Amino acid sequence: MWEFFKPVLVDFQNPVLFALPVFALLMGIEIYVNYKEKTDHYVFKDSVASISMGLGSIFTDVLSKSFAFFAFSYIYINFALFSDTLSFTILGWVLLFFLDDFSFYWHHRLSHQVRILWASHVNHHSSEEYNLSTALRQSWTEVFYKYFFFMWLPLLGFHPLMILTQISLNLIYQYWVHTKKIKRLPKPIEFIFNTPSHHRVHHGSNLKYLDKNHGGTLIIWDRMFGTFEAEDDNEPVIYGITTNINTYNPFKIATHEFKMIGKDMKKAQKWSDKLKYLLYPPGWSHDGSTKTVKEMLKEDKSKQ
């Protein structure tokens, strides 16, 4: 059994590491364009905080990816259903492109709808700026649950190396959509793929934009499952979260929502309510003092 692990561990090269110089180049170009156009889309302290979060996530991802590799491998070795058809075949790569993105969609969507998961993911939304450095504001803890959403892929018969590679390629794709410089692309592209326009909506704290456009590479899942929202030229995106944290300290960025959950759980008397603070959507409260996105939308609709 152990012989299986050795070649895979040696051969796997995380594509994200090779993409880092390209990330830096594109960020430099965006900064230069901002300078030439005299637009202020970069705040130095904010960008440093985002880059610090990205560097920190590299270390936590190594640990979580090691666990994911062994878990994927165990499932693949013992239970894979169609490995002869799916592992390192053209059909396998094509199917994996879609199934990986489908898995990412649900991981991402639930990271907005389950508060303990949101506590990890909110780090990425905490910047009030929107530029390519924002893409690097990655969570230090999200990676410890992320890979569970992909556990069904080795069961189907996709090789662990394929899965980890495709997850990394999906992450690389998502870098370029964190920009204001690209307005809208041709309609067929906007209809199928996640684009800067779609992802600006996702980072909006406007009520109509909350919990929308969770897709990674593709936007078709949002269209299929009712979470799509087009960018409205009449309603500019307000970046950040509904209650901004006003800090550039990476450690505070990484932990602030966990602390808020702890405070809310202390206020609740019943254990069932304490549990709901972990598992219910962000904004839920046992006394109605704060509201979820659905509750806010319902309230807003009743006023119209």
Protein backbone atom coordinates (compact mmCIF):
# COMPACT_ATOMS: atom_id res chain seq x y z
CA MET A 1 0.00 0.00 0.00
CA TRP A 2 2.71 2.50 0.96
CA GLU A 3 4.38 2.17 -2.42
CA PHE A 4 1.33 3.89 -3.87
CA PHE A 5 1.97 7.06 -1.91
CA LYS A 6 5.64 7.58 -2.73
CA PRO A 7 5.45 8.41 -6.46
CA VAL A 8 2.41 10.61 -6.01
CA LEU A 9 4.01 12.62 -3.23
CA VAL A 10 7.18 13.07 -5.26
CA ASP A 11 5.42 13.93 -8.53
CA PHE A 12 2.82 16.38 -7.23
CA GLN A 13 3.82 19.97 -7.90
CA ASN A 14 1.29 22.49 -6.67
CA PRO A 15 0.43 24.66 -9.70
CA VAL A 16 -0.29 27.59 -7.37
CA LEU A 17 3.41 27.88 -6.52
CA PHE A 18 4.28 28.22 -10.21
CA ALA A 19 1.53 30.82 -10.62
CA LEU A 20 2.88 33.12 -7.89
CA PRO A 21 5.24 35.04 -10.24
CA VAL A 22 2.31 35.57 -12.64
CA PHE A 23 0.18 36.81 -9.73
CA ALA A 24 2.90 39.30 -8.81
CA LEU A 25 3.26 40.46 -12.43
CA LEU A 26 -0.47 41.02 -12.87
CA MET A 27 -0.67 42.88 -9.57
CA GLY A 28 2.21 45.10 -10.69
CA ILE A 29 0.40 45.85 -13.95
CA GLU A 30 -2.81 46.70 -12.08
CA ILE A 31 -0.92 49.04 -9.73
CA TYR A 32 0.74 50.74 -12.72
CA VAL A 33 -2.61 51.19 -14.50
CA ASN A 34 -4.09 52.67 -11.33
CA TYR A 35 -1.15 55.08 -11.12
CA LYS A 36 -1.53 56.15 -14.76
CA GLU A 37 -5.29 56.56 -14.43
CA LYS A 38 -4.93 58.24 -11.01
CA THR A 39 -7.37 55.80 -9.43
CA ASP A 40 -6.94 54.74 -5.82
CA HIS A 41 -7.72 51.03 -5.76
CA TYR A 42 -4.81 50.02 -3.54
CA VAL A 43 -4.39 50.81 0.14
CA PHE A 44 -0.89 49.82 1.19
CA LYS A 45 -1.77 48.48 4.67
CA ASP A 46 -4.75 46.60 3.31
CA SER A 47 -2.68 44.94 0.57
CA VAL A 48 0.05 43.99 3.05
CA ALA A 49 -2.62 42.41 5.28
CA SER A 50 -4.04 40.46 2.31
CA ILE A 51 -0.61 39.24 1.21
CA SER A 52 0.20 38.24 4.81
CA MET A 53 -3.00 36.21 4.94
CA GLY A 54 -2.03 34.54 1.69
CA LEU A 55 1.44 33.60 2.94
CA GLY A 56 -0.02 32.21 6.15
CA SER A 57 -2.54 30.11 4.24
CA ILE A 58 0.30 28.41 2.35
CA PHE A 59 1.55 26.83 5.57
CA THR A 60 -1.86 25.69 6.83
CA ASP A 61 -2.71 24.37 3.37
CA VAL A 62 0.37 22.12 3.40
CA LEU A 63 -0.96 20.43 6.54
CA SER A 64 -4.52 20.11 5.32
CA LYS A 65 -3.48 19.00 1.85
CA SER A 66 -1.38 16.22 3.38
CA PHE A 67 -4.45 14.98 5.25
CA ALA A 68 -6.56 15.31 2.09
CA PHE A 69 -4.02 13.33 0.07
CA PHE A 70 -4.00 10.41 2.49
CA ALA A 71 -7.81 10.47 2.82
CA PHE A 72 -8.29 10.64 -0.97
CA SER A 73 -5.75 7.86 -1.44
CA TYR A 74 -7.39 5.57 1.10
CA ILE A 75 -10.78 6.01 -0.58
CA TYR A 76 -9.27 5.61 -4.04
CA ILE A 77 -7.33 2.45 -3.22
CA ASN A 78 -10.15 0.69 -1.40
CA PHE A 79 -13.39 1.94 -2.90
CA ALA A 80 -12.84 3.60 -6.33
CA LEU A 81 -15.68 2.68 -8.69
CA PHE A 82 -14.48 3.71 -12.15
CA SER A 83 -10.73 4.30 -11.82
CA ASP A 84 -9.89 2.59 -15.14
CA THR A 85 -12.19 5.02 -16.95
CA LEU A 86 -11.49 8.22 -15.00
CA SER A 87 -7.87 8.20 -13.83
CA PHE A 88 -5.59 10.19 -16.15
CA THR A 89 -7.87 9.88 -19.17
CA ILE A 90 -9.20 12.68 -21.34
CA LEU A 91 -12.74 11.82 -20.26
CA GLY A 92 -11.60 11.87 -16.63
CA TRP A 93 -10.02 15.33 -16.88
CA VAL A 94 -13.07 16.79 -18.65
CA LEU A 95 -15.50 15.37 -16.09
CA LEU A 96 -13.26 16.40 -13.21
CA PHE A 97 -13.23 20.00 -14.44
CA PHE A 98 -17.00 20.17 -13.95
CA LEU A 99 -17.30 17.99 -10.83
CA ASP A 100 -14.49 19.81 -9.03
CA ASP A 101 -16.16 23.15 -9.72
CA PHE A 102 -19.52 21.73 -8.63
CA SER A 103 -17.90 20.62 -5.35
CA PHE A 104 -16.30 24.02 -4.92
CA TYR A 105 -19.66 25.72 -5.43
CA TRP A 106 -21.25 23.82 -2.53
CA HIS A 107 -18.20 24.24 -0.32
CA HIS A 108 -18.29 27.99 -1.02
CA ARG A 109 -22.04 28.35 -0.68
CA LEU A 110 -22.17 26.53 2.66
CA SER A 111 -19.21 28.61 3.85
CA HIS A 112 -21.60 31.55 3.60
CA GLN A 113 -24.59 29.78 5.14
CA VAL A 114 -23.13 27.89 8.13
CA ARG A 115 -21.70 30.30 10.66
CA ILE A 116 -18.80 28.20 11.95
CA LEU A 117 -17.69 27.78 8.33
CA TRP A 118 -18.29 31.49 7.69
CA ALA A 119 -15.95 32.24 10.59
CA SER A 120 -13.15 30.79 8.46
CA HIS A 121 -14.27 32.15 5.11
CA VAL A 122 -15.17 35.69 6.20
CA ASN A 123 -11.45 36.53 6.21
CA HIS A 124 -11.55 36.64 2.42
CA HIS A 125 -14.42 39.16 2.45
CA SER A 126 -13.09 41.42 5.19
CA SER A 127 -11.26 43.86 2.92
CA GLU A 128 -13.10 47.03 1.96
CA GLU A 129 -10.89 47.25 -1.13
CA TYR A 130 -11.18 45.17 -4.28
CA ASN A 131 -8.08 44.48 -6.34
CA LEU A 132 -5.76 41.60 -7.15
CA SER A 133 -4.18 41.71 -3.70
CA THR A 134 -7.63 40.95 -2.25
CA ALA A 135 -7.49 37.57 -3.99
CA LEU A 136 -4.53 36.66 -1.76
CA ARG A 137 -6.52 37.29 1.44
CA GLN A 138 -6.97 33.57 2.00
CA SER A 139 -8.24 31.93 5.17
CA TRP A 140 -5.84 30.16 7.52
CA THR A 141 -8.50 27.72 8.74
CA GLU A 142 -10.88 27.15 5.83
CA VAL A 143 -8.53 24.56 4.34
CA PHE A 144 -9.13 22.23 7.30
CA TYR A 145 -12.71 21.54 6.22
CA LYS A 146 -12.60 22.42 2.52
CA TYR A 147 -11.35 19.06 1.28
CA PHE A 148 -14.26 17.13 2.82
CA PHE A 149 -16.41 18.50 -0.02
CA PHE A 150 -14.20 16.70 -2.53
CA MET A 151 -14.10 13.28 -0.81
CA TRP A 152 -16.65 11.84 -3.23
CA LEU A 153 -14.34 12.34 -6.21
CA PRO A 154 -11.81 9.57 -5.37
CA LEU A 155 -14.80 7.32 -4.64
CA LEU A 156 -15.88 7.79 -8.26
CA GLY A 157 -12.39 6.86 -9.38
CA PHE A 158 -10.47 10.09 -9.89
CA HIS A 159 -6.84 9.74 -8.85
CA PRO A 160 -5.87 11.90 -5.82
CA LEU A 161 -3.18 13.64 -7.86
CA MET A 162 -5.76 14.68 -10.44
CA ILE A 163 -8.08 16.05 -7.76
CA LEU A 164 -5.42 18.12 -5.99
CA THR A 165 -4.20 19.47 -9.33
CA GLN A 166 -7.70 20.50 -10.44
CA ILE A 167 -8.44 22.14 -7.07
CA SER A 168 -5.26 24.21 -7.50
CA LEU A 169 -6.12 25.15 -11.11
CA ASN A 170 -9.56 26.31 -9.96
CA LEU A 171 -7.94 28.49 -7.30
CA ILE A 172 -5.54 29.98 -9.87
CA TYR A 173 -8.45 30.88 -12.15
CA GLN A 174 -10.14 32.81 -9.37
CA TYR A 175 -7.20 35.20 -8.99
CA TRP A 176 -7.92 37.38 -12.02
CA VAL A 177 -11.60 37.96 -11.21
CA HIS A 178 -10.62 40.15 -8.23
CA THR A 179 -10.33 43.38 -10.18
CA LYS A 180 -12.32 46.51 -11.03
CA LYS A 181 -10.35 47.07 -14.21
CA ILE A 182 -12.26 44.54 -16.32
CA LYS A 183 -15.89 45.59 -16.68
CA ARG A 184 -17.85 43.01 -18.68
CA LEU A 185 -16.79 40.34 -21.15
CA PRO A 186 -18.79 39.05 -24.15
CA LYS A 187 -22.19 37.66 -23.15
CA PRO A 188 -21.41 33.95 -23.80
CA ILE A 189 -18.43 34.19 -21.43
CA GLU A 190 -20.44 36.08 -18.82
CA PHE A 191 -23.18 33.45 -19.05
CA ILE A 192 -20.92 30.43 -18.47
CA PHE A 193 -17.87 31.58 -16.53
CA ASN A 194 -17.17 33.40 -13.31
CA THR A 195 -15.92 36.85 -14.31
CA PRO A 196 -14.77 40.03 -12.53
CA SER A 197 -18.30 41.42 -12.85
CA HIS A 198 -19.86 38.34 -11.21
CA HIS A 199 -17.25 38.16 -8.49
CA ARG A 200 -17.51 41.84 -7.62
CA VAL A 201 -21.14 41.06 -6.75
CA HIS A 202 -19.96 38.18 -4.55
CA HIS A 203 -17.75 40.55 -2.56
CA GLY A 204 -20.49 43.13 -2.12
CA SER A 205 -22.03 43.93 1.25
CA ASN A 206 -25.12 45.45 -0.42
CA LEU A 207 -28.21 43.54 0.67
CA LYS A 208 -29.11 42.46 -2.88
CA TYR A 209 -25.59 41.12 -3.42
CA LEU A 210 -25.21 39.11 -0.20
CA ASP A 211 -24.68 35.34 -0.61
CA LYS A 212 -24.62 35.48 -4.40
CA ASN A 213 -22.32 34.11 -7.14
CA HIS A 214 -20.47 31.33 -5.32
CA GLY A 215 -19.01 29.71 -8.44
CA GLY A 216 -15.27 29.17 -8.83
CA THR A 217 -14.53 28.86 -12.54
CA LEU A 218 -18.12 28.51 -13.72
CA ILE A 219 -21.17 30.64 -12.92
CA ILE A 220 -23.63 28.03 -14.25
CA TRP A 221 -24.15 26.48 -10.79
CA ASP A 222 -25.39 29.79 -9.42
CA ARG A 223 -27.79 30.10 -12.33
CA MET A 224 -29.00 26.52 -11.75
CA PHE A 225 -29.41 26.74 -7.96
CA GLY A 226 -30.82 30.25 -7.61
CA THR A 227 -27.84 32.14 -6.21
CA PHE A 228 -26.96 34.23 -9.26
CA GLU A 229 -27.12 38.00 -9.22
CA ALA A 230 -25.93 40.22 -12.07
CA GLU A 231 -23.93 43.35 -11.30
CA ASP A 232 -26.28 46.32 -11.38
CA ASP A 233 -24.77 49.49 -12.85
CA ASN A 234 -27.30 51.48 -10.83
CA GLU A 235 -26.11 49.98 -7.55
CA PRO A 236 -22.33 50.17 -7.16
CA VAL A 237 -20.80 47.37 -5.12
CA ILE A 238 -19.89 48.26 -1.54
CA TYR A 239 -17.00 45.99 -0.61
CA GLY A 240 -16.39 44.41 2.76
CA ILE A 241 -18.77 42.76 5.21
CA THR A 242 -21.97 44.05 6.79
CA THR A 243 -20.07 45.00 9.95
CA ASN A 244 -16.49 45.83 8.99
CA ILE A 245 -13.70 44.94 11.41
CA ASN A 246 -11.46 47.98 10.77
CA THR A 247 -8.12 46.26 11.27
CA TYR A 248 -5.08 45.34 9.19
CA ASN A 249 -3.78 42.87 11.76
CA PRO A 250 -3.71 39.41 10.08
CA PHE A 251 -4.25 37.58 13.36
CA LYS A 252 -7.36 39.65 14.13
CA ILE A 253 -8.58 39.17 10.55
CA ALA A 254 -8.16 35.40 10.93
CA THR A 255 -9.90 35.08 14.30
CA HIS A 256 -12.45 37.89 14.71
CA GLU A 257 -15.56 35.91 13.76
CA PHE A 258 -14.60 32.95 15.97
CA LYS A 259 -14.44 35.39 18.89
CA MET A 260 -17.86 36.81 17.99
CA ILE A 261 -19.34 33.32 17.92
CA GLY A 262 -17.93 32.69 21.39
CA LYS A 263 -19.50 35.89 22.70
CA ASP A 264 -22.87 35.04 21.16
CA MET A 265 -22.83 31.51 22.58
CA LYS A 266 -22.20 32.91 26.06
CA LYS A 267 -25.32 35.07 25.78
CA ALA A 268 -27.53 32.11 24.94
CA GLN A 269 -28.98 30.18 27.90
CA LYS A 270 -30.15 27.05 26.09
CA TRP A 271 -27.64 24.56 24.68
CA SER A 272 -29.75 24.22 21.56
CA ASP A 273 -29.33 27.96 20.93
CA LYS A 274 -25.58 27.72 21.54
CA LEU A 275 -25.43 25.00 18.90
CA LYS A 276 -27.49 27.11 16.50
CA TYR A 277 -24.89 29.88 16.73
CA LEU A 278 -22.46 27.38 15.22
CA LEU A 279 -24.65 25.76 12.59
CA TYR A 280 -27.26 28.35 11.60
CA PRO A 281 -26.57 31.11 9.04
CA PRO A 282 -24.55 34.19 10.02
CA GLY A 283 -26.82 36.78 11.60
CA TRP A 284 -29.09 34.30 13.37
CA SER A 285 -29.71 35.23 17.01
CA HIS A 286 -31.73 33.62 19.77
CA ASP A 287 -33.31 36.96 20.73
CA GLY A 288 -33.80 38.41 17.24
CA SER A 289 -31.26 41.17 17.84
CA THR A 290 -29.50 40.34 14.57
CA LYS A 291 -30.87 38.88 11.35
CA THR A 292 -29.82 36.47 8.63
CA VAL A 293 -29.66 37.48 4.97
CA LYS A 294 -33.00 35.75 4.29
CA GLU A 295 -34.62 37.57 7.19
CA MET A 296 -33.25 40.93 6.02
CA LEU A 297 -34.46 40.32 2.47
CA LYS A 298 -37.90 39.32 3.73
CA GLU A 299 -38.06 42.43 5.91
CA ASP A 300 -36.91 44.63 3.04
CA LYS A 301 -39.51 43.14 0.71
CA SER A 302 -42.32 43.77 3.21
CA LYS A 303 -41.39 47.47 3.29
CA GLN A 304 -41.71 47.87 -0.47
